[in-house]
């Protein structure tokens, strides 16, 4: 018997994911013409969804995720590792906002009774929301990452300029390097 691996139709999957994520960002009204900080965006989303969003920089245990979205009954918290470089913190916060915008659910990891027994000072629902998210390469993680990246391109001072003025002395170099590029096929 010969095993044959079949490749998933990733191009079709990724196009659907991209369209879905772009629609979510359009739905919150980010057009790209307004420079916003992450804090401004949190305030805007808090007003839009009726739930304040607070960013909490915190030294997290080694080996833990760099960021967490913690949803309480009436507000949300983005916990971000405070030892990260600012540009990395920025992307982590946008990723966690991606989870918020996509309204990603968590999967239960322990019963409320077990949570009360192991972590008595914390609300069992809060524990479920934090610990229940899948930290893998799941579709939810891909969505959160892509939504965060789209938002970053639209609001961010970290975003790279799309065009630059080319000085005359660099035009020949730019032309030669540009000739090496393979055009990207877009839908």
C-alpha atoms as a PDB file:
ATOM      1  CA  UNK A   1       0.000   0.000   0.000  1.00  0.00           C
ATOM      2  CA  UNK A   2       1.261   3.458  -0.904  1.00  0.00           C
ATOM      3  CA  UNK A   3       0.205   6.399   1.224  1.00  0.00           C
ATOM      4  CA  UNK A   4      -0.645   9.509  -0.697  1.00  0.00           C
ATOM      5  CA  UNK A   5      -1.023  12.789   1.079  1.00  0.00           C
ATOM      6  CA  UNK A   6      -3.688  15.009  -0.317  1.00  0.00           C
ATOM      7  CA  UNK A   7      -3.128  18.700  -0.011  1.00  0.00           C
ATOM      8  CA  UNK A   8      -6.023  20.755   1.307  1.00  0.00           C
ATOM      9  CA  UNK A   9      -7.313  23.428  -1.005  1.00  0.00           C
ATOM     10  CA  UNK A  10      -5.489  26.102   0.946  1.00  0.00           C
ATOM     11  CA  UNK A  11      -5.804  28.848  -1.646  1.00  0.00           C
ATOM     12  CA  UNK A  12      -9.592  28.593  -1.583  1.00  0.00           C
ATOM     13  CA  UNK A  13      -9.598  28.350   2.220  1.00  0.00           C
ATOM     14  CA  UNK A  14      -7.301  31.347   2.579  1.00  0.00           C
ATOM     15  CA  UNK A  15      -9.373  33.466   0.177  1.00  0.00           C
ATOM     16  CA  UNK A  16     -12.518  32.727   2.186  1.00  0.00           C
ATOM     17  CA  UNK A  17     -10.688  33.508   5.430  1.00  0.00           C
ATOM     18  CA  UNK A  18      -9.344  36.766   4.008  1.00  0.00           C
ATOM     19  CA  UNK A  19     -12.775  37.864   2.757  1.00  0.00           C
ATOM     20  CA  UNK A  20     -14.396  37.023   6.099  1.00  0.00           C
ATOM     21  CA  UNK A  21     -11.747  38.944   8.038  1.00  0.00           C
ATOM     22  CA  UNK A  22     -11.881  41.968   5.749  1.00  0.00           C
ATOM     23  CA  UNK A  23     -15.663  42.067   6.157  1.00  0.00           C
ATOM     24  CA  UNK A  24     -15.329  42.026   9.953  1.00  0.00           C
ATOM     25  CA  UNK A  25     -12.943  44.984   9.829  1.00  0.00           C
ATOM     26  CA  UNK A  26     -15.244  46.871   7.438  1.00  0.00           C
ATOM     27  CA  UNK A  27     -18.153  46.203   9.815  1.00  0.00           C
ATOM     28  CA  UNK A  28     -16.428  48.140  12.600  1.00  0.00           C
ATOM     29  CA  UNK A  29     -15.946  51.128  10.306  1.00  0.00           C
ATOM     30  CA  UNK A  30     -12.165  51.244   9.943  1.00  0.00           C
ATOM     31  CA  UNK A  31     -11.526  52.884   6.615  1.00  0.00           C
ATOM     32  CA  UNK A  32      -7.826  53.538   6.934  1.00  0.00           C
ATOM     33  CA  UNK A  33      -8.097  57.317   6.850  1.00  0.00           C
ATOM     34  CA  UNK A  34      -7.929  57.786  10.608  1.00  0.00           C
ATOM     35  CA  UNK A  35      -4.690  57.276  12.500  1.00  0.00           C
ATOM     36  CA  UNK A  36      -5.549  55.600  15.802  1.00  0.00           C
ATOM     37  CA  UNK A  37      -3.515  54.220  18.647  1.00  0.00           C
ATOM     38  CA  UNK A  38      -4.409  50.804  20.054  1.00  0.00           C
ATOM     39  CA  UNK A  39      -5.843  52.618  23.077  1.00  0.00           C
ATOM     40  CA  UNK A  40      -8.037  54.773  20.792  1.00  0.00           C
ATOM     41  CA  UNK A  41      -9.175  51.632  18.996  1.00  0.00           C
ATOM     42  CA  UNK A  42     -10.009  49.914  22.304  1.00  0.00           C
ATOM     43  CA  UNK A  43     -12.100  52.924  23.348  1.00  0.00           C
ATOM     44  CA  UNK A  44     -13.859  52.963  19.969  1.00  0.00           C
ATOM     45  CA  UNK A  45     -14.600  49.220  20.052  1.00  0.00           C
ATOM     46  CA  UNK A  46     -15.719  49.506  23.679  1.00  0.00           C
ATOM     47  CA  UNK A  47     -18.293  52.120  22.677  1.00  0.00           C
ATOM     48  CA  UNK A  48     -19.358  50.132  19.608  1.00  0.00           C
ATOM     49  CA  UNK A  49     -19.868  46.880  21.529  1.00  0.00           C
ATOM     50  CA  UNK A  50     -20.959  48.441  24.829  1.00  0.00           C
ATOM     51  CA  UNK A  51     -18.098  46.783  26.745  1.00  0.00           C
ATOM     52  CA  UNK A  52     -15.000  48.713  27.836  1.00  0.00           C
ATOM     53  CA  UNK A  53     -11.697  47.159  26.783  1.00  0.00           C
ATOM     54  CA  UNK A  54      -8.660  47.721  28.999  1.00  0.00           C
ATOM     55  CA  UNK A  55      -5.047  46.938  28.095  1.00  0.00           C
ATOM     56  CA  UNK A  56      -2.995  45.522  30.963  1.00  0.00           C
ATOM     57  CA  UNK A  57       0.766  45.134  30.493  1.00  0.00           C
ATOM     58  CA  UNK A  58       1.910  42.370  32.814  1.00  0.00           C
ATOM     59  CA  UNK A  59       4.932  40.159  33.344  1.00  0.00           C
ATOM     60  CA  UNK A  60       3.541  36.765  32.392  1.00  0.00           C
ATOM     61  CA  UNK A  61       5.050  33.420  33.406  1.00  0.00           C
ATOM     62  CA  UNK A  62       7.678  32.078  31.024  1.00  0.00           C
ATOM     63  CA  UNK A  63       6.146  29.770  28.442  1.00  0.00           C
ATOM     64  CA  UNK A  64       2.725  31.409  28.585  1.00  0.00           C
ATOM     65  CA  UNK A  65       1.140  33.183  25.609  1.00  0.00           C
ATOM     66  CA  UNK A  66       2.345  36.726  24.922  1.00  0.00           C
ATOM     67  CA  UNK A  67      -1.211  38.010  25.191  1.00  0.00           C
ATOM     68  CA  UNK A  68      -4.632  37.046  26.457  1.00  0.00           C
ATOM     69  CA  UNK A  69      -8.139  38.343  25.937  1.00  0.00           C
ATOM     70  CA  UNK A  70      -9.968  38.040  29.235  1.00  0.00           C
ATOM     71  CA  UNK A  71     -13.729  38.615  29.070  1.00  0.00           C
ATOM     72  CA  UNK A  72     -15.530  39.481  32.288  1.00  0.00           C
ATOM     73  CA  UNK A  73     -19.279  39.991  32.596  1.00  0.00           C
ATOM     74  CA  UNK A  74     -19.293  43.661  31.590  1.00  0.00           C
ATOM     75  CA  UNK A  75     -15.806  44.428  30.261  1.00  0.00           C
ATOM     76  CA  UNK A  76     -12.819  42.916  28.512  1.00  0.00           C
ATOM     77  CA  UNK A  77      -9.111  42.976  29.270  1.00  0.00           C
ATOM     78  CA  UNK A  78      -6.191  42.515  26.932  1.00  0.00           C
ATOM     79  CA  UNK A  79      -3.265  41.252  28.952  1.00  0.00           C
ATOM     80  CA  UNK A  80       0.037  41.673  27.125  1.00  0.00           C
ATOM     81  CA  UNK A  81       3.530  40.603  28.141  1.00  0.00           C
ATOM     82  CA  UNK A  82       5.323  43.762  29.271  1.00  0.00           C
ATOM     83  CA  UNK A  83       8.804  42.445  28.391  1.00  0.00           C
ATOM     84  CA  UNK A  84       8.063  42.350  24.658  1.00  0.00           C
ATOM     85  CA  UNK A  85       9.441  44.934  22.269  1.00  0.00           C
ATOM     86  CA  UNK A  86       6.866  47.685  21.670  1.00  0.00           C
ATOM     87  CA  UNK A  87       6.237  46.645  18.051  1.00  0.00           C
ATOM     88  CA  UNK A  88       5.621  43.052  19.188  1.00  0.00           C
ATOM     89  CA  UNK A  89       3.285  44.235  21.985  1.00  0.00           C
ATOM     90  CA  UNK A  90       1.408  46.241  19.381  1.00  0.00           C
ATOM     91  CA  UNK A  91       0.861  43.181  17.170  1.00  0.00           C
ATOM     92  CA  UNK A  92      -0.137  41.029  20.154  1.00  0.00           C
ATOM     93  CA  UNK A  93      -2.739  43.619  21.202  1.00  0.00           C
ATOM     94  CA  UNK A  94      -4.132  43.756  17.658  1.00  0.00           C
ATOM     95  CA  UNK A  95      -4.276  39.942  17.577  1.00  0.00           C
ATOM     96  CA  UNK A  96      -6.249  39.878  20.836  1.00  0.00           C
ATOM     97  CA  UNK A  97      -8.571  42.577  19.473  1.00  0.00           C
ATOM     98  CA  UNK A  98      -9.027  40.243  16.497  1.00  0.00           C
ATOM     99  CA  UNK A  99     -10.395  37.615  18.899  1.00  0.00           C
ATOM    100  CA  UNK A 100     -12.712  40.261  20.379  1.00  0.00           C
ATOM    101  CA  UNK A 101     -13.978  41.471  16.986  1.00  0.00           C
ATOM    102  CA  UNK A 102     -14.508  37.904  15.750  1.00  0.00           C
ATOM    103  CA  UNK A 103     -16.317  37.022  18.994  1.00  0.00           C
ATOM    104  CA  UNK A 104     -14.303  33.846  19.347  1.00  0.00           C
ATOM    105  CA  UNK A 105     -15.660  31.394  21.849  1.00  0.00           C
ATOM    106  CA  UNK A 106     -13.550  29.358  24.179  1.00  0.00           C
ATOM    107  CA  UNK A 107     -13.940  25.681  24.850  1.00  0.00           C
ATOM    108  CA  UNK A 108     -14.438  24.558  28.443  1.00  0.00           C
ATOM    109  CA  UNK A 109     -11.288  23.168  30.015  1.00  0.00           C
ATOM    110  CA  UNK A 110     -12.587  22.509  33.504  1.00  0.00           C
ATOM    111  CA  UNK A 111     -15.907  22.421  35.263  1.00  0.00           C
ATOM    112  CA  UNK A 112     -16.944  25.379  37.432  1.00  0.00           C
ATOM    113  CA  UNK A 113     -16.571  23.136  40.483  1.00  0.00           C
ATOM    114  CA  UNK A 114     -12.999  22.215  39.565  1.00  0.00           C
ATOM    115  CA  UNK A 115     -12.224  25.854  38.899  1.00  0.00           C
ATOM    116  CA  UNK A 116     -13.545  26.902  42.330  1.00  0.00           C
ATOM    117  CA  UNK A 117     -11.506  24.170  43.966  1.00  0.00           C
ATOM    118  CA  UNK A 118      -8.231  24.963  42.165  1.00  0.00           C
ATOM    119  CA  UNK A 119      -8.592  28.738  41.827  1.00  0.00           C
ATOM    120  CA  UNK A 120     -10.992  29.779  44.607  1.00  0.00           C
ATOM    121  CA  UNK A 121     -10.362  33.518  44.361  1.00  0.00           C
ATOM    122  CA  UNK A 122     -11.283  33.716  40.663  1.00  0.00           C
ATOM    123  CA  UNK A 123     -14.685  33.601  39.045  1.00  0.00           C
ATOM    124  CA  UNK A 124     -15.083  30.167  37.367  1.00  0.00           C
ATOM    125  CA  UNK A 125     -16.455  31.745  34.189  1.00  0.00           C
ATOM    126  CA  UNK A 126     -13.427  34.028  33.977  1.00  0.00           C
ATOM    127  CA  UNK A 127     -11.109  31.025  34.341  1.00  0.00           C
ATOM    128  CA  UNK A 128     -12.996  29.205  31.586  1.00  0.00           C
ATOM    129  CA  UNK A 129     -12.726  32.156  29.237  1.00  0.00           C
ATOM    130  CA  UNK A 130      -8.997  32.558  29.754  1.00  0.00           C
ATOM    131  CA  UNK A 131      -7.947  28.923  29.778  1.00  0.00           C
ATOM    132  CA  UNK A 132     -10.404  27.681  27.200  1.00  0.00           C
ATOM    133  CA  UNK A 133      -9.009  29.332  24.105  1.00  0.00           C
ATOM    134  CA  UNK A 134      -7.162  27.093  21.709  1.00  0.00           C
ATOM    135  CA  UNK A 135      -3.622  28.443  21.340  1.00  0.00           C
ATOM    136  CA  UNK A 136      -2.825  26.506  18.204  1.00  0.00           C
ATOM    137  CA  UNK A 137      -2.933  27.086  14.501  1.00  0.00           C
ATOM    138  CA  UNK A 138      -6.721  26.863  14.557  1.00  0.00           C
ATOM    139  CA  UNK A 139      -8.994  28.821  12.272  1.00  0.00           C
ATOM    140  CA  UNK A 140      -9.843  31.156  15.172  1.00  0.00           C
ATOM    141  CA  UNK A 141      -6.147  31.926  15.700  1.00  0.00           C
ATOM    142  CA  UNK A 142      -5.669  32.517  11.970  1.00  0.00           C
ATOM    143  CA  UNK A 143      -8.699  34.817  11.921  1.00  0.00           C
ATOM    144  CA  UNK A 144      -7.477  36.782  14.933  1.00  0.00           C
ATOM    145  CA  UNK A 145      -4.032  37.167  13.391  1.00  0.00           C
ATOM    146  CA  UNK A 146      -5.393  38.273  10.038  1.00  0.00           C
ATOM    147  CA  UNK A 147      -7.945  40.703  11.519  1.00  0.00           C
ATOM    148  CA  UNK A 148      -5.177  42.165  13.699  1.00  0.00           C
ATOM    149  CA  UNK A 149      -2.926  42.563  10.665  1.00  0.00           C
ATOM    150  CA  UNK A 150      -5.650  44.273   8.614  1.00  0.00           C
ATOM    151  CA  UNK A 151      -6.379  46.671  11.463  1.00  0.00           C
ATOM    152  CA  UNK A 152      -2.671  47.340  11.914  1.00  0.00           C
ATOM    153  CA  UNK A 153      -2.336  48.343   8.264  1.00  0.00           C
ATOM    154  CA  UNK A 154      -5.316  50.677   8.543  1.00  0.00           C
ATOM    155  CA  UNK A 155      -4.628  52.480  11.803  1.00  0.00           C
ATOM    156  CA  UNK A 156      -1.040  51.984  12.706  1.00  0.00           C
ATOM    157  CA  UNK A 157       1.871  54.301  12.907  1.00  0.00           C
ATOM    158  CA  UNK A 158       3.920  51.087  12.806  1.00  0.00           C
ATOM    159  CA  UNK A 159       2.683  50.295   9.306  1.00  0.00           C
ATOM    160  CA  UNK A 160       5.235  50.678   6.561  1.00  0.00           C
ATOM    161  CA  UNK A 161       4.498  53.339   3.975  1.00  0.00           C
ATOM    162  CA  UNK A 162       3.180  51.812   0.769  1.00  0.00           C
ATOM    163  CA  UNK A 163       4.982  54.299  -1.499  1.00  0.00           C
ATOM    164  CA  UNK A 164       8.141  56.326  -1.202  1.00  0.00           C
ATOM    165  CA  UNK A 165       9.789  58.948  -3.325  1.00  0.00           C
ATOM    166  CA  UNK A 166      12.703  57.313  -5.102  1.00  0.00           C
ATOM    167  CA  UNK A 167      15.777  59.536  -5.352  1.00  0.00           C
ATOM    168  CA  UNK A 168      17.105  59.811  -8.923  1.00  0.00           C
ATOM    169  CA  UNK A 169      20.368  58.069  -8.016  1.00  0.00           C
ATOM    170  CA  UNK A 170      18.423  54.949  -6.899  1.00  0.00           C
ATOM    171  CA  UNK A 171      16.067  54.647  -9.890  1.00  0.00           C
ATOM    172  CA  UNK A 172      18.290  52.193 -11.793  1.00  0.00           C
ATOM    173  CA  UNK A 173      18.700  49.957  -8.723  1.00  0.00           C
ATOM    174  CA  UNK A 174      14.942  50.014  -8.091  1.00  0.00           C
ATOM    175  CA  UNK A 175      14.221  49.107 -11.713  1.00  0.00           C
ATOM    176  CA  UNK A 176      16.632  46.143 -11.600  1.00  0.00           C
ATOM    177  CA  UNK A 177      15.275  44.838  -8.287  1.00  0.00           C
ATOM    178  CA  UNK A 178      11.684  45.331  -9.411  1.00  0.00           C
ATOM    179  CA  UNK A 179      12.383  43.248 -12.516  1.00  0.00           C
ATOM    180  CA  UNK A 180      13.227  40.328 -10.216  1.00  0.00           C
ATOM    181  CA  UNK A 181       9.837  40.397  -8.505  1.00  0.00           C
ATOM    182  CA  UNK A 182       7.241  37.832  -9.402  1.00  0.00           C
ATOM    183  CA  UNK A 183       3.843  39.546  -9.696  1.00  0.00           C
ATOM    184  CA  UNK A 184       1.408  38.484  -6.988  1.00  0.00           C
ATOM    185  CA  UNK A 185      -1.923  37.190  -8.284  1.00  0.00           C
ATOM    186  CA  UNK A 186      -4.813  38.831  -6.468  1.00  0.00           C
ATOM    187  CA  UNK A 187      -8.495  38.047  -6.616  1.00  0.00           C
END
